[in-house]
């Protein structure tokens, strides 16, 4: 994550939905309800939390996101296993 650039245009890195690091040119500051970001040359609004100063920072940020996603998946898997066990226990009482 980077701070709001003081001058525009500015260069920054983002992660695409496929987690590919991509350099973008920021053209102006933008803010919405409870969020601050920047607009790019293609008029996309990107939140400051999704902007990185270097490609290495973007890659590190992507790895952190993947770890968080894996933790959520593991928690969901544990819940599913618990529900499955509850159903098996109920089926055994039939």
N, C-alpha and C. Protein backbone atom coordinates (compact mmCIF):
# COMPACT_ATOMS: atom_id res chain seq x y z
N UNK A 1 0.84 -1.17 0.00
CA UNK A 1 0.00 0.00 0.00
C UNK A 1 0.89 1.24 0.00
N UNK A 2 0.45 2.24 -0.75
CA UNK A 2 1.23 3.48 -0.81
C UNK A 2 0.39 4.64 -0.27
N UNK A 3 1.07 5.74 -0.05
CA UNK A 3 0.39 6.98 0.35
C UNK A 3 -0.16 7.65 -0.90
N UNK A 4 -1.07 8.58 -0.71
CA UNK A 4 -1.62 9.34 -1.83
C UNK A 4 -0.49 10.14 -2.48
N UNK A 5 -0.29 10.00 -3.79
CA UNK A 5 0.76 10.77 -4.46
C UNK A 5 0.48 12.27 -4.35
N UNK A 6 1.54 13.06 -4.23
CA UNK A 6 1.37 14.50 -4.13
C UNK A 6 1.21 15.14 -5.50
N UNK A 7 1.84 14.54 -6.51
CA UNK A 7 1.74 15.08 -7.86
C UNK A 7 1.25 14.00 -8.81
N UNK A 8 0.58 14.44 -9.85
CA UNK A 8 0.08 13.51 -10.87
C UNK A 8 0.58 13.98 -12.22
N UNK A 9 0.84 13.11 -13.15
CA UNK A 9 0.68 11.65 -13.10
C UNK A 9 1.76 10.99 -12.25
N UNK A 10 1.41 9.84 -11.71
CA UNK A 10 2.33 9.06 -10.88
C UNK A 10 2.24 7.60 -11.30
N UNK A 11 3.30 6.87 -11.08
CA UNK A 11 3.33 5.44 -11.41
C UNK A 11 3.11 4.63 -10.14
N UNK A 12 2.40 3.52 -10.29
CA UNK A 12 2.17 2.60 -9.17
C UNK A 12 1.95 1.21 -9.74
N UNK A 13 1.93 0.23 -8.87
CA UNK A 13 1.71 -1.16 -9.25
C UNK A 13 0.42 -1.66 -8.60
N UNK A 14 -0.33 -2.47 -9.34
CA UNK A 14 -1.55 -3.11 -8.83
C UNK A 14 -1.48 -4.59 -9.18
N UNK A 15 -2.34 -5.36 -8.54
CA UNK A 15 -2.49 -6.77 -8.89
C UNK A 15 -3.78 -6.92 -9.69
N UNK A 16 -3.70 -7.58 -10.83
CA UNK A 16 -4.91 -7.85 -11.61
C UNK A 16 -5.71 -8.93 -10.89
N UNK A 17 -6.96 -9.17 -11.30
CA UNK A 17 -7.73 -10.25 -10.66
C UNK A 17 -7.04 -11.61 -10.72
N UNK A 18 -6.19 -11.82 -11.72
CA UNK A 18 -5.42 -13.05 -11.82
C UNK A 18 -4.10 -13.01 -11.08
N UNK A 19 -3.91 -11.98 -10.24
CA UNK A 19 -2.72 -11.79 -9.41
C UNK A 19 -1.46 -11.51 -10.23
N UNK A 20 -1.62 -10.94 -11.41
CA UNK A 20 -0.49 -10.53 -12.23
C UNK A 20 -0.14 -9.09 -11.87
N UNK A 21 1.10 -8.78 -11.44
CA UNK A 21 1.46 -7.39 -11.15
C UNK A 21 1.44 -6.56 -12.43
N UNK A 22 0.88 -5.35 -12.34
CA UNK A 22 0.77 -4.50 -13.52
C UNK A 22 1.06 -3.06 -13.11
N UNK A 23 1.89 -2.39 -13.90
CA UNK A 23 2.19 -0.99 -13.62
C UNK A 23 1.10 -0.11 -14.24
N UNK A 24 0.62 0.86 -13.48
CA UNK A 24 -0.42 1.76 -13.96
C UNK A 24 0.02 3.20 -13.75
N UNK A 25 -0.56 4.09 -14.53
CA UNK A 25 -0.31 5.52 -14.38
C UNK A 25 -1.52 6.14 -13.71
N UNK A 26 -1.29 6.76 -12.56
CA UNK A 26 -2.35 7.41 -11.81
C UNK A 26 -2.47 8.85 -12.30
N UNK A 27 -3.71 9.28 -12.58
CA UNK A 27 -3.90 10.61 -13.15
C UNK A 27 -4.50 11.62 -12.19
N UNK A 28 -5.26 11.15 -11.18
CA UNK A 28 -5.87 12.08 -10.24
C UNK A 28 -6.31 11.36 -8.97
N UNK A 29 -6.46 12.14 -7.91
CA UNK A 29 -6.97 11.58 -6.66
C UNK A 29 -8.47 11.41 -6.79
N UNK A 30 -8.99 10.43 -6.10
CA UNK A 30 -10.42 10.17 -6.13
C UNK A 30 -10.84 9.63 -4.77
N UNK A 31 -12.04 9.98 -4.35
CA UNK A 31 -12.51 9.44 -3.08
C UNK A 31 -14.00 9.17 -3.19
N UNK A 32 -14.41 8.19 -2.44
CA UNK A 32 -15.82 7.82 -2.39
C UNK A 32 -16.23 7.72 -0.95
N UNK A 33 -17.36 7.12 -0.74
CA UNK A 33 -17.86 6.96 0.62
C UNK A 33 -16.96 6.02 1.38
N UNK A 34 -16.24 6.52 2.38
CA UNK A 34 -15.35 5.74 3.24
C UNK A 34 -14.15 5.14 2.51
N UNK A 35 -13.80 5.63 1.35
CA UNK A 35 -12.64 5.07 0.66
C UNK A 35 -11.92 6.17 -0.11
N UNK A 36 -10.60 6.01 -0.22
CA UNK A 36 -9.79 6.95 -0.98
C UNK A 36 -8.98 6.15 -1.97
N UNK A 37 -8.76 6.74 -3.12
CA UNK A 37 -7.99 6.05 -4.14
C UNK A 37 -7.53 7.02 -5.20
N UNK A 38 -7.18 6.46 -6.36
CA UNK A 38 -6.71 7.25 -7.49
C UNK A 38 -7.35 6.72 -8.76
N UNK A 39 -7.48 7.60 -9.73
CA UNK A 39 -7.97 7.18 -11.04
C UNK A 39 -6.76 6.96 -11.96
N UNK A 40 -6.92 6.01 -12.87
CA UNK A 40 -5.86 5.69 -13.81
C UNK A 40 -6.14 6.36 -15.15
N UNK A 41 -5.23 6.17 -16.10
CA UNK A 41 -5.42 6.70 -17.45
C UNK A 41 -6.70 6.17 -18.09
N UNK A 42 -7.06 4.94 -17.74
CA UNK A 42 -8.26 4.32 -18.31
C UNK A 42 -9.50 4.60 -17.47
N UNK A 43 -9.40 5.56 -16.54
CA UNK A 43 -10.50 6.03 -15.69
C UNK A 43 -10.94 5.04 -14.62
N UNK A 44 -10.18 3.98 -14.39
CA UNK A 44 -10.49 3.04 -13.31
C UNK A 44 -10.12 3.68 -11.99
N UNK A 45 -10.96 3.48 -10.99
CA UNK A 45 -10.65 3.97 -9.64
C UNK A 45 -10.04 2.81 -8.87
N UNK A 46 -8.85 3.01 -8.32
CA UNK A 46 -8.15 1.97 -7.57
C UNK A 46 -7.96 2.49 -6.15
N UNK A 47 -8.34 1.68 -5.17
CA UNK A 47 -8.20 2.07 -3.77
C UNK A 47 -6.72 2.12 -3.38
N UNK A 48 -6.39 3.01 -2.45
CA UNK A 48 -5.00 3.13 -2.00
C UNK A 48 -4.49 1.80 -1.44
N UNK A 49 -5.37 1.03 -0.81
CA UNK A 49 -4.95 -0.26 -0.24
C UNK A 49 -4.51 -1.24 -1.32
N UNK A 50 -4.93 -1.01 -2.57
CA UNK A 50 -4.59 -1.91 -3.67
C UNK A 50 -3.43 -1.40 -4.52
N UNK A 51 -2.84 -0.28 -4.14
CA UNK A 51 -1.72 0.29 -4.88
C UNK A 51 -0.41 -0.01 -4.16
N UNK A 52 0.63 -0.31 -4.94
CA UNK A 52 1.94 -0.63 -4.39
C UNK A 52 3.00 0.22 -5.08
N UNK A 53 4.06 0.53 -4.35
CA UNK A 53 5.12 1.39 -4.87
C UNK A 53 6.00 0.67 -5.88
N UNK A 54 6.28 -0.62 -5.66
CA UNK A 54 7.16 -1.37 -6.55
C UNK A 54 6.52 -2.70 -6.92
N UNK A 55 7.08 -3.32 -7.92
CA UNK A 55 6.59 -4.63 -8.34
C UNK A 55 6.79 -5.65 -7.22
N UNK A 56 7.91 -5.55 -6.53
CA UNK A 56 8.19 -6.45 -5.41
C UNK A 56 7.17 -6.31 -4.29
N UNK A 57 6.76 -5.06 -4.01
CA UNK A 57 5.73 -4.83 -3.00
C UNK A 57 4.40 -5.43 -3.44
N UNK A 58 4.09 -5.32 -4.73
CA UNK A 58 2.84 -5.90 -5.25
C UNK A 58 2.85 -7.42 -5.11
N UNK A 59 3.98 -8.03 -5.39
CA UNK A 59 4.10 -9.49 -5.26
C UNK A 59 3.96 -9.90 -3.80
N UNK A 60 4.61 -9.17 -2.90
CA UNK A 60 4.50 -9.47 -1.47
C UNK A 60 3.05 -9.28 -0.99
N UNK A 61 2.40 -8.23 -1.46
CA UNK A 61 1.00 -8.01 -1.11
C UNK A 61 0.10 -9.12 -1.63
N UNK A 62 0.40 -9.61 -2.82
CA UNK A 62 -0.36 -10.73 -3.38
C UNK A 62 -0.19 -11.99 -2.57
N UNK A 63 1.03 -12.22 -2.11
CA UNK A 63 1.27 -13.40 -1.26
C UNK A 63 0.49 -13.31 0.05
N UNK A 64 0.45 -12.11 0.63
CA UNK A 64 -0.32 -11.91 1.87
C UNK A 64 -1.80 -12.18 1.63
N UNK A 65 -2.32 -11.70 0.51
CA UNK A 65 -3.73 -11.94 0.18
C UNK A 65 -4.02 -13.42 0.01
N UNK A 66 -3.10 -14.13 -0.63
CA UNK A 66 -3.29 -15.57 -0.81
C UNK A 66 -3.30 -16.30 0.52
N UNK A 67 -2.44 -15.89 1.44
CA UNK A 67 -2.41 -16.50 2.78
C UNK A 67 -3.73 -16.25 3.48
N UNK A 68 -4.27 -15.02 3.38
CA UNK A 68 -5.56 -14.70 3.99
C UNK A 68 -6.68 -15.53 3.37
N UNK A 69 -6.67 -15.65 2.04
CA UNK A 69 -7.69 -16.45 1.35
C UNK A 69 -7.62 -17.91 1.79
N UNK A 70 -6.40 -18.44 1.91
CA UNK A 70 -6.23 -19.83 2.31
C UNK A 70 -6.76 -20.04 3.73
N UNK A 71 -6.54 -19.08 4.61
CA UNK A 71 -7.04 -19.18 5.98
C UNK A 71 -8.57 -19.22 5.99
N UNK A 72 -9.21 -18.37 5.15
CA UNK A 72 -10.67 -18.40 5.07
C UNK A 72 -11.17 -19.72 4.51
N UNK A 73 -10.49 -20.25 3.51
CA UNK A 73 -10.88 -21.54 2.93
C UNK A 73 -10.73 -22.65 3.95
N UNK A 74 -9.64 -22.64 4.71
CA UNK A 74 -9.42 -23.66 5.75
C UNK A 74 -10.52 -23.60 6.81
N UNK A 75 -10.92 -22.39 7.19
CA UNK A 75 -11.99 -22.24 8.19
C UNK A 75 -13.31 -22.78 7.63
N UNK A 76 -13.59 -22.49 6.37
CA UNK A 76 -14.82 -23.00 5.76
C UNK A 76 -14.78 -24.52 5.67
N UNK A 77 -13.62 -25.07 5.34
CA UNK A 77 -13.48 -26.53 5.25
C UNK A 77 -13.72 -27.18 6.60
N UNK A 78 -13.20 -26.57 7.67
CA UNK A 78 -13.42 -27.10 9.01
C UNK A 78 -14.91 -27.09 9.36
N UNK A 79 -15.61 -26.02 9.00
CA UNK A 79 -17.05 -25.96 9.25
C UNK A 79 -17.79 -27.04 8.48
N UNK A 80 -17.39 -27.25 7.23
CA UNK A 80 -18.03 -28.30 6.42
C UNK A 80 -17.81 -29.68 7.01
N UNK A 81 -16.60 -29.93 7.49
CA UNK A 81 -16.30 -31.23 8.10
C UNK A 81 -17.15 -31.43 9.36
N UNK A 82 -17.31 -30.37 10.14
CA UNK A 82 -18.12 -30.45 11.36
C UNK A 82 -19.58 -30.75 11.00
N UNK A 83 -20.11 -30.09 10.00
CA UNK A 83 -21.49 -30.34 9.56
C UNK A 83 -21.65 -31.75 9.03
N UNK A 84 -20.65 -32.21 8.30
CA UNK A 84 -20.70 -33.57 7.76
C UNK A 84 -20.73 -34.59 8.90
N UNK A 85 -19.91 -34.35 9.92
CA UNK A 85 -19.87 -35.26 11.08
C UNK A 85 -21.21 -35.25 11.81
N UNK A 86 -21.83 -34.07 11.92
CA UNK A 86 -23.13 -33.98 12.57
C UNK A 86 -24.17 -34.78 11.79
N UNK A 87 -24.16 -34.68 10.47
CA UNK A 87 -25.10 -35.45 9.65
C UNK A 87 -24.84 -36.95 9.77
N UNK A 88 -23.59 -37.35 9.78
CA UNK A 88 -23.26 -38.77 9.92
C UNK A 88 -23.72 -39.30 11.27
N UNK A 89 -23.56 -38.50 12.30
CA UNK A 89 -23.99 -38.89 13.64
C UNK A 89 -25.51 -39.04 13.67
N UNK A 90 -26.23 -38.12 13.03
CA UNK A 90 -27.69 -38.20 12.98
C UNK A 90 -28.14 -39.39 12.15
N UNK A 91 -27.42 -39.68 11.07
CA UNK A 91 -27.78 -40.82 10.21
C UNK A 91 -27.54 -42.14 10.93
N UNK A 92 -26.57 -42.19 11.81
CA UNK A 92 -26.27 -43.43 12.54
C UNK A 92 -27.37 -43.75 13.55
N UNK A 93 -28.10 -42.73 14.00
CA UNK A 93 -29.16 -42.94 14.98
C UNK A 93 -30.45 -43.42 14.33
N UNK A 94 -30.52 -43.46 13.02
CA UNK A 94 -31.75 -43.91 12.34
C UNK A 94 -32.03 -45.36 12.55
